[in-house]
Amino acid sequence: MNDQSHQPEKLRLDKWLWAARFFKTRSLAKAAIDGGKVHLAGQRVKVSKEISVGDTLQIRQGWDEKVVLVKALSSQRRGAPQAQLLYEETPQSSAKREAEAAARKAAGGMIDRPAHRPSKKQRQQIHRFKNFSE
């Protein structure tokens, strides 16, 4: 019964997220689930929740939120090409992520950043000005 091609019918959520390479470790996957960053069919779930093929997951990582459909289960972490076969991101999700990334990139140009750090003399002047106004 120890057949390599045999796939489990259900698998723990944290183990699948780790195997699908959404998180580097299972403990990071557990922390994300506990923090409410992973939803199954729109509902918050526990780490030990068992998922099956066809389930829809919402995964928030940093600025990005992905909606993925579970296509296959694997309890072993493999290379990125094999991990990408475990899920499929919905077209709406990828379009939304790309639009938000473009908006963030466009907004980043509006922030005025100084060309260089203040010199020692300029820092002293800044401190004197701030202390003078108090």
N, C-alpha and C. Protein backbone atom coordinates (compact mmCIF):
# COMPACT_ATOMS: atom_id res chain seq x y z
N MET A 1 0.82 -1.21 0.00
CA MET A 1 0.00 0.00 0.00
C MET A 1 0.85 1.26 0.00
N ASN A 2 2.15 1.15 -0.04
CA ASN A 2 3.02 2.31 -0.01
C ASN A 2 3.34 2.76 -1.43
N ASP A 3 2.32 2.99 -2.24
CA ASP A 3 2.45 3.36 -3.64
C ASP A 3 2.69 4.86 -3.77
N GLN A 4 3.68 5.26 -4.57
CA GLN A 4 4.02 6.67 -4.74
C GLN A 4 2.93 7.43 -5.47
N SER A 5 2.22 6.79 -6.40
CA SER A 5 1.21 7.50 -7.18
C SER A 5 -0.09 7.70 -6.41
N HIS A 6 -0.23 7.03 -5.28
CA HIS A 6 -1.45 7.16 -4.49
C HIS A 6 -1.50 8.52 -3.83
N GLN A 7 -2.58 9.27 -4.07
CA GLN A 7 -2.75 10.57 -3.44
C GLN A 7 -3.79 10.45 -2.33
N PRO A 8 -3.56 11.13 -1.22
CA PRO A 8 -4.56 11.10 -0.15
C PRO A 8 -5.82 11.83 -0.59
N GLU A 9 -6.96 11.41 -0.04
CA GLU A 9 -8.22 12.06 -0.38
C GLU A 9 -8.37 13.37 0.39
N LYS A 10 -7.81 13.42 1.59
CA LYS A 10 -7.84 14.63 2.41
C LYS A 10 -6.47 14.85 3.00
N LEU A 11 -6.17 16.13 3.27
CA LEU A 11 -4.86 16.48 3.80
C LEU A 11 -5.00 17.71 4.68
N ARG A 12 -4.18 17.77 5.74
CA ARG A 12 -4.21 18.94 6.62
C ARG A 12 -3.85 20.20 5.83
N LEU A 13 -4.52 21.28 6.12
CA LEU A 13 -4.34 22.53 5.40
C LEU A 13 -2.91 23.06 5.51
N ASP A 14 -2.34 23.05 6.72
CA ASP A 14 -0.99 23.58 6.89
C ASP A 14 0.03 22.77 6.09
N LYS A 15 -0.16 21.47 6.02
CA LYS A 15 0.76 20.61 5.29
C LYS A 15 0.65 20.87 3.78
N TRP A 16 -0.56 21.08 3.30
CA TRP A 16 -0.76 21.35 1.87
C TRP A 16 -0.16 22.70 1.49
N LEU A 17 -0.37 23.74 2.32
CA LEU A 17 0.19 25.06 2.04
C LEU A 17 1.71 25.02 1.97
N TRP A 18 2.30 24.21 2.83
CA TRP A 18 3.75 24.05 2.84
C TRP A 18 4.19 23.29 1.59
N ALA A 19 3.51 22.21 1.23
CA ALA A 19 3.86 21.41 0.06
C ALA A 19 3.66 22.19 -1.23
N ALA A 20 2.66 23.09 -1.27
CA ALA A 20 2.39 23.89 -2.46
C ALA A 20 3.28 25.12 -2.52
N ARG A 21 4.18 25.25 -1.56
CA ARG A 21 5.20 26.32 -1.51
C ARG A 21 4.62 27.72 -1.34
N PHE A 22 3.51 27.82 -0.62
CA PHE A 22 3.01 29.15 -0.26
C PHE A 22 3.81 29.68 0.93
N PHE A 23 4.31 28.77 1.78
CA PHE A 23 5.09 29.15 2.96
C PHE A 23 6.33 28.26 3.04
N LYS A 24 7.42 28.81 3.57
CA LYS A 24 8.68 28.07 3.65
C LYS A 24 8.63 26.93 4.66
N THR A 25 7.90 27.14 5.75
CA THR A 25 7.82 26.11 6.79
C THR A 25 6.36 25.89 7.18
N ARG A 26 6.11 24.75 7.79
CA ARG A 26 4.75 24.47 8.26
C ARG A 26 4.38 25.40 9.41
N SER A 27 5.37 25.82 10.19
CA SER A 27 5.05 26.72 11.30
C SER A 27 4.63 28.10 10.78
N LEU A 28 5.22 28.56 9.66
CA LEU A 28 4.77 29.81 9.05
C LEU A 28 3.36 29.66 8.49
N ALA A 29 3.07 28.50 7.91
CA ALA A 29 1.72 28.23 7.40
C ALA A 29 0.73 28.22 8.56
N LYS A 30 1.12 27.62 9.67
CA LYS A 30 0.25 27.57 10.86
C LYS A 30 -0.01 28.97 11.39
N ALA A 31 1.04 29.80 11.44
CA ALA A 31 0.88 31.17 11.93
C ALA A 31 -0.06 31.97 11.03
N ALA A 32 0.05 31.77 9.72
CA ALA A 32 -0.83 32.48 8.78
C ALA A 32 -2.28 32.05 8.97
N ILE A 33 -2.50 30.76 9.16
CA ILE A 33 -3.86 30.26 9.36
C ILE A 33 -4.43 30.80 10.66
N ASP A 34 -3.63 30.73 11.73
CA ASP A 34 -4.08 31.24 13.03
C ASP A 34 -4.34 32.74 12.99
N GLY A 35 -3.57 33.45 12.15
CA GLY A 35 -3.73 34.90 12.03
C GLY A 35 -4.88 35.31 11.13
N GLY A 36 -5.61 34.35 10.58
CA GLY A 36 -6.77 34.67 9.74
C GLY A 36 -6.41 35.06 8.32
N LYS A 37 -5.23 34.69 7.87
CA LYS A 37 -4.80 35.04 6.52
C LYS A 37 -5.15 33.97 5.50
N VAL A 38 -5.72 32.86 5.95
CA VAL A 38 -6.13 31.79 5.04
C VAL A 38 -7.59 31.46 5.32
N HIS A 39 -8.40 31.48 4.26
CA HIS A 39 -9.82 31.15 4.38
C HIS A 39 -10.16 30.02 3.42
N LEU A 40 -11.03 29.13 3.85
CA LEU A 40 -11.52 28.04 3.02
C LEU A 40 -12.97 28.32 2.72
N ALA A 41 -13.29 28.54 1.46
CA ALA A 41 -14.65 28.85 1.01
C ALA A 41 -15.21 30.05 1.77
N GLY A 42 -14.36 31.05 2.01
CA GLY A 42 -14.80 32.28 2.66
C GLY A 42 -14.87 32.22 4.17
N GLN A 43 -14.53 31.10 4.79
CA GLN A 43 -14.60 30.94 6.24
C GLN A 43 -13.21 30.77 6.83
N ARG A 44 -12.99 31.37 8.01
CA ARG A 44 -11.73 31.12 8.73
C ARG A 44 -11.68 29.67 9.13
N VAL A 45 -10.49 29.10 9.11
CA VAL A 45 -10.34 27.69 9.42
C VAL A 45 -9.24 27.48 10.45
N LYS A 46 -9.19 26.28 10.98
CA LYS A 46 -8.12 25.90 11.91
C LYS A 46 -7.02 25.19 11.13
N VAL A 47 -5.86 25.09 11.76
CA VAL A 47 -4.69 24.48 11.13
C VAL A 47 -4.96 23.04 10.73
N SER A 48 -5.67 22.32 11.57
CA SER A 48 -5.88 20.89 11.33
C SER A 48 -7.02 20.60 10.36
N LYS A 49 -7.63 21.63 9.80
CA LYS A 49 -8.73 21.44 8.85
C LYS A 49 -8.23 20.63 7.66
N GLU A 50 -9.00 19.61 7.30
CA GLU A 50 -8.61 18.77 6.17
C GLU A 50 -9.25 19.32 4.90
N ILE A 51 -8.43 19.47 3.87
CA ILE A 51 -8.94 19.96 2.60
C ILE A 51 -8.95 18.83 1.59
N SER A 52 -9.71 19.01 0.54
CA SER A 52 -9.77 18.00 -0.52
C SER A 52 -9.73 18.71 -1.87
N VAL A 53 -9.59 17.94 -2.92
CA VAL A 53 -9.51 18.47 -4.27
C VAL A 53 -10.82 19.19 -4.59
N GLY A 54 -10.72 20.39 -5.18
CA GLY A 54 -11.90 21.17 -5.53
C GLY A 54 -12.20 22.29 -4.55
N ASP A 55 -11.53 22.32 -3.40
CA ASP A 55 -11.75 23.38 -2.42
C ASP A 55 -11.17 24.70 -2.92
N THR A 56 -11.78 25.79 -2.47
CA THR A 56 -11.31 27.13 -2.84
C THR A 56 -10.70 27.79 -1.61
N LEU A 57 -9.46 28.27 -1.76
CA LEU A 57 -8.74 28.91 -0.66
C LEU A 57 -8.44 30.36 -1.01
N GLN A 58 -8.56 31.23 0.00
CA GLN A 58 -8.12 32.61 -0.12
C GLN A 58 -6.88 32.74 0.77
N ILE A 59 -5.76 33.11 0.15
CA ILE A 59 -4.50 33.18 0.88
C ILE A 59 -3.95 34.59 0.76
N ARG A 60 -3.71 35.22 1.92
CA ARG A 60 -3.15 36.58 1.93
C ARG A 60 -1.69 36.49 2.33
N GLN A 61 -0.81 37.03 1.45
CA GLN A 61 0.62 37.04 1.72
C GLN A 61 1.13 38.46 1.46
N GLY A 62 1.44 39.17 2.51
CA GLY A 62 1.89 40.55 2.35
C GLY A 62 0.78 41.40 1.76
N TRP A 63 1.07 42.07 0.64
CA TRP A 63 0.07 42.92 -0.02
C TRP A 63 -0.88 42.09 -0.88
N ASP A 64 -0.46 40.89 -1.26
CA ASP A 64 -1.22 40.10 -2.22
C ASP A 64 -2.22 39.17 -1.57
N GLU A 65 -3.37 39.03 -2.24
CA GLU A 65 -4.36 38.04 -1.83
C GLU A 65 -4.68 37.19 -3.04
N LYS A 66 -4.49 35.88 -2.88
CA LYS A 66 -4.72 34.94 -3.98
C LYS A 66 -5.94 34.10 -3.67
N VAL A 67 -6.72 33.83 -4.70
CA VAL A 67 -7.83 32.89 -4.59
C VAL A 67 -7.43 31.70 -5.47
N VAL A 68 -7.24 30.55 -4.84
CA VAL A 68 -6.76 29.38 -5.58
C VAL A 68 -7.73 28.22 -5.43
N LEU A 69 -7.75 27.39 -6.46
CA LEU A 69 -8.56 26.18 -6.48
C LEU A 69 -7.61 25.01 -6.29
N VAL A 70 -7.88 24.15 -5.32
CA VAL A 70 -7.02 22.99 -5.05
C VAL A 70 -7.25 21.96 -6.14
N LYS A 71 -6.19 21.64 -6.91
CA LYS A 71 -6.30 20.68 -8.01
C LYS A 71 -5.80 19.30 -7.61
N ALA A 72 -4.84 19.25 -6.68
CA ALA A 72 -4.26 17.98 -6.25
C ALA A 72 -3.74 18.13 -4.84
N LEU A 73 -3.55 16.99 -4.18
CA LEU A 73 -3.03 16.98 -2.81
C LEU A 73 -1.67 16.32 -2.79
N SER A 74 -0.78 16.83 -1.97
CA SER A 74 0.53 16.23 -1.80
C SER A 74 1.02 16.56 -0.39
N SER A 75 1.53 15.56 0.29
CA SER A 75 2.06 15.79 1.63
C SER A 75 3.57 15.97 1.58
N GLN A 76 4.16 15.89 0.38
CA GLN A 76 5.60 16.06 0.22
C GLN A 76 5.89 17.36 -0.50
N ARG A 77 6.89 18.07 -0.01
CA ARG A 77 7.30 19.32 -0.64
C ARG A 77 8.27 18.99 -1.77
N ARG A 78 7.94 19.42 -2.95
CA ARG A 78 8.78 19.17 -4.12
C ARG A 78 9.18 20.50 -4.75
N GLY A 79 9.77 20.46 -5.91
CA GLY A 79 10.20 21.66 -6.60
C GLY A 79 9.03 22.55 -7.00
N ALA A 80 9.32 23.80 -7.33
CA ALA A 80 8.28 24.76 -7.68
C ALA A 80 7.42 24.32 -8.87
N PRO A 81 8.00 23.74 -9.94
CA PRO A 81 7.13 23.31 -11.04
C PRO A 81 6.09 22.27 -10.63
N GLN A 82 6.47 21.33 -9.77
CA GLN A 82 5.51 20.32 -9.31
C GLN A 82 4.52 20.95 -8.33
N ALA A 83 4.98 21.90 -7.53
CA ALA A 83 4.09 22.54 -6.55
C ALA A 83 3.01 23.34 -7.25
N GLN A 84 3.32 23.95 -8.38
CA GLN A 84 2.33 24.74 -9.11
C GLN A 84 1.23 23.87 -9.72
N LEU A 85 1.47 22.57 -9.84
CA LEU A 85 0.45 21.67 -10.35
C LEU A 85 -0.60 21.34 -9.30
N LEU A 86 -0.34 21.69 -8.03
CA LEU A 86 -1.27 21.38 -6.95
C LEU A 86 -2.44 22.35 -6.88
N TYR A 87 -2.32 23.51 -7.52
CA TYR A 87 -3.38 24.52 -7.43
C TYR A 87 -3.47 25.31 -8.72
N GLU A 88 -4.57 26.05 -8.83
CA GLU A 88 -4.76 26.94 -9.97
C GLU A 88 -5.37 28.23 -9.44
N GLU A 89 -4.71 29.35 -9.73
CA GLU A 89 -5.23 30.64 -9.31
C GLU A 89 -6.34 31.07 -10.25
N THR A 90 -7.40 31.61 -9.70
CA THR A 90 -8.52 32.04 -10.53
C THR A 90 -8.11 33.25 -11.38
N PRO A 91 -8.66 33.38 -12.58
CA PRO A 91 -8.31 34.53 -13.43
C PRO A 91 -8.65 35.87 -12.79
N GLN A 92 -9.77 35.94 -12.06
CA GLN A 92 -10.15 37.18 -11.39
C GLN A 92 -9.11 37.55 -10.34
N SER A 93 -8.62 36.57 -9.63
CA SER A 93 -7.63 36.81 -8.57
C SER A 93 -6.33 37.35 -9.16
N SER A 94 -5.84 36.72 -10.22
CA SER A 94 -4.57 37.17 -10.80
C SER A 94 -4.73 38.56 -11.42
N ALA A 95 -5.87 38.85 -12.05
CA ALA A 95 -6.10 40.19 -12.63
C ALA A 95 -6.15 41.25 -11.53
N LYS A 96 -6.82 40.92 -10.43
CA LYS A 96 -6.92 41.86 -9.31
C LYS A 96 -5.55 42.13 -8.69
N ARG A 97 -4.75 41.07 -8.53
CA ARG A 97 -3.41 41.23 -7.96
C ARG A 97 -2.53 42.10 -8.84
N GLU A 98 -2.59 41.87 -10.16
CA GLU A 98 -1.78 42.67 -11.08
C GLU A 98 -2.21 44.13 -11.08
N ALA A 99 -3.52 44.38 -11.00
CA ALA A 99 -4.01 45.76 -10.97
C ALA A 99 -3.56 46.47 -9.69
N GLU A 100 -3.64 45.77 -8.55
CA GLU A 100 -3.21 46.36 -7.28
C GLU A 100 -1.70 46.62 -7.28
N ALA A 101 -0.93 45.71 -7.88
CA ALA A 101 0.53 45.90 -7.94
C ALA A 101 0.86 47.12 -8.80
N ALA A 102 0.15 47.28 -9.91
CA ALA A 102 0.37 48.44 -10.77
C ALA A 102 0.01 49.73 -10.04
N ALA A 103 -1.08 49.71 -9.27
CA ALA A 103 -1.50 50.89 -8.51
C ALA A 103 -0.46 51.24 -7.44
N ARG A 104 0.08 50.23 -6.77
CA ARG A 104 1.12 50.47 -5.76
C ARG A 104 2.37 51.06 -6.40
N LYS A 105 2.72 50.53 -7.58
CA LYS A 105 3.91 51.02 -8.27
C LYS A 105 3.72 52.47 -8.70
N ALA A 106 2.52 52.79 -9.19
CA ALA A 106 2.23 54.16 -9.61
C ALA A 106 2.23 55.12 -8.42
N ALA A 107 1.66 54.68 -7.30
CA ALA A 107 1.61 55.53 -6.10
C ALA A 107 3.00 55.73 -5.50
N GLY A 108 3.88 54.78 -5.70
CA GLY A 108 5.24 54.88 -5.16
C GLY A 108 6.01 56.03 -5.76
N GLY A 109 5.68 56.42 -6.98
CA GLY A 109 6.36 57.53 -7.62
C GLY A 109 5.94 58.88 -7.06
N MET A 110 4.82 58.94 -6.36
CA MET A 110 4.34 60.20 -5.82
C MET A 110 5.03 60.57 -4.52
N ILE A 111 5.68 59.63 -3.89
CA ILE A 111 6.36 59.90 -2.62
C ILE A 111 7.66 60.64 -2.92
N ASP A 112 7.82 61.81 -2.32
CA ASP A 112 9.02 62.61 -2.53
C ASP A 112 10.09 62.17 -1.54
N ARG A 113 11.15 61.62 -2.05
CA ARG A 113 12.24 61.17 -1.19
C ARG A 113 13.43 62.10 -1.36
N PRO A 114 14.15 62.38 -0.28
CA PRO A 114 15.33 63.23 -0.41
C PRO A 114 16.41 62.54 -1.24
N ALA A 115 17.20 63.34 -1.93
CA ALA A 115 18.24 62.79 -2.80
C ALA A 115 19.39 62.19 -1.97
N HIS A 116 19.60 62.73 -0.75
CA HIS A 116 20.69 62.24 0.09
C HIS A 116 20.34 62.49 1.56
N ARG A 117 21.13 61.90 2.44
CA ARG A 117 20.93 62.10 3.88
C ARG A 117 21.47 63.46 4.28
N PRO A 118 20.89 64.04 5.33
CA PRO A 118 21.41 65.34 5.78
C PRO A 118 22.83 65.20 6.34
N SER A 119 23.62 66.24 6.14
CA SER A 119 24.98 66.25 6.67
C SER A 119 24.91 66.50 8.18
N LYS A 120 26.06 66.43 8.84
CA LYS A 120 26.10 66.66 10.28
C LYS A 120 25.61 68.07 10.61
N LYS A 121 26.05 69.05 9.83
CA LYS A 121 25.64 70.44 10.06
C LYS A 121 24.13 70.60 9.87
N GLN A 122 23.59 69.98 8.82
CA GLN A 122 22.15 70.06 8.56
C GLN A 122 21.36 69.39 9.68
N ARG A 123 21.85 68.24 10.18
CA ARG A 123 21.17 67.55 11.29
C ARG A 123 21.13 68.43 12.53
N GLN A 124 22.24 69.11 12.83
CA GLN A 124 22.28 70.01 13.98
C GLN A 124 21.28 71.15 13.82
N GLN A 125 21.17 71.66 12.60
CA GLN A 125 20.20 72.72 12.34
C GLN A 125 18.76 72.22 12.52
N ILE A 126 18.52 71.00 12.08
CA ILE A 126 17.18 70.41 12.24
C ILE A 126 16.85 70.25 13.71
N HIS A 127 17.81 69.73 14.49
CA HIS A 127 17.58 69.54 15.93
C HIS A 127 17.36 70.88 16.64
N ARG A 128 18.16 71.89 16.27
CA ARG A 128 17.98 73.22 16.87
C ARG A 128 16.59 73.78 16.54
N PHE A 129 16.17 73.61 15.31
CA PHE A 129 14.86 74.11 14.88
C PHE A 129 13.74 73.42 15.65
N LYS A 130 13.84 72.09 15.78
CA LYS A 130 12.80 71.34 16.48
C LYS A 130 12.76 71.71 17.96
N ASN A 131 13.89 71.85 18.58
CA ASN A 131 13.95 72.20 20.00
C ASN A 131 13.51 73.65 20.24
N PHE A 132 13.78 74.53 19.29
CA PHE A 132 13.41 75.94 19.40
C PHE A 132 11.88 76.11 19.42
N SER A 133 11.21 75.28 18.64
CA SER A 133 9.75 75.42 18.52
C SER A 133 9.01 74.86 19.72
N GLU A 134 9.67 74.12 20.61
CA GLU A 134 8.98 73.52 21.76
C GLU A 134 8.76 74.48 22.88
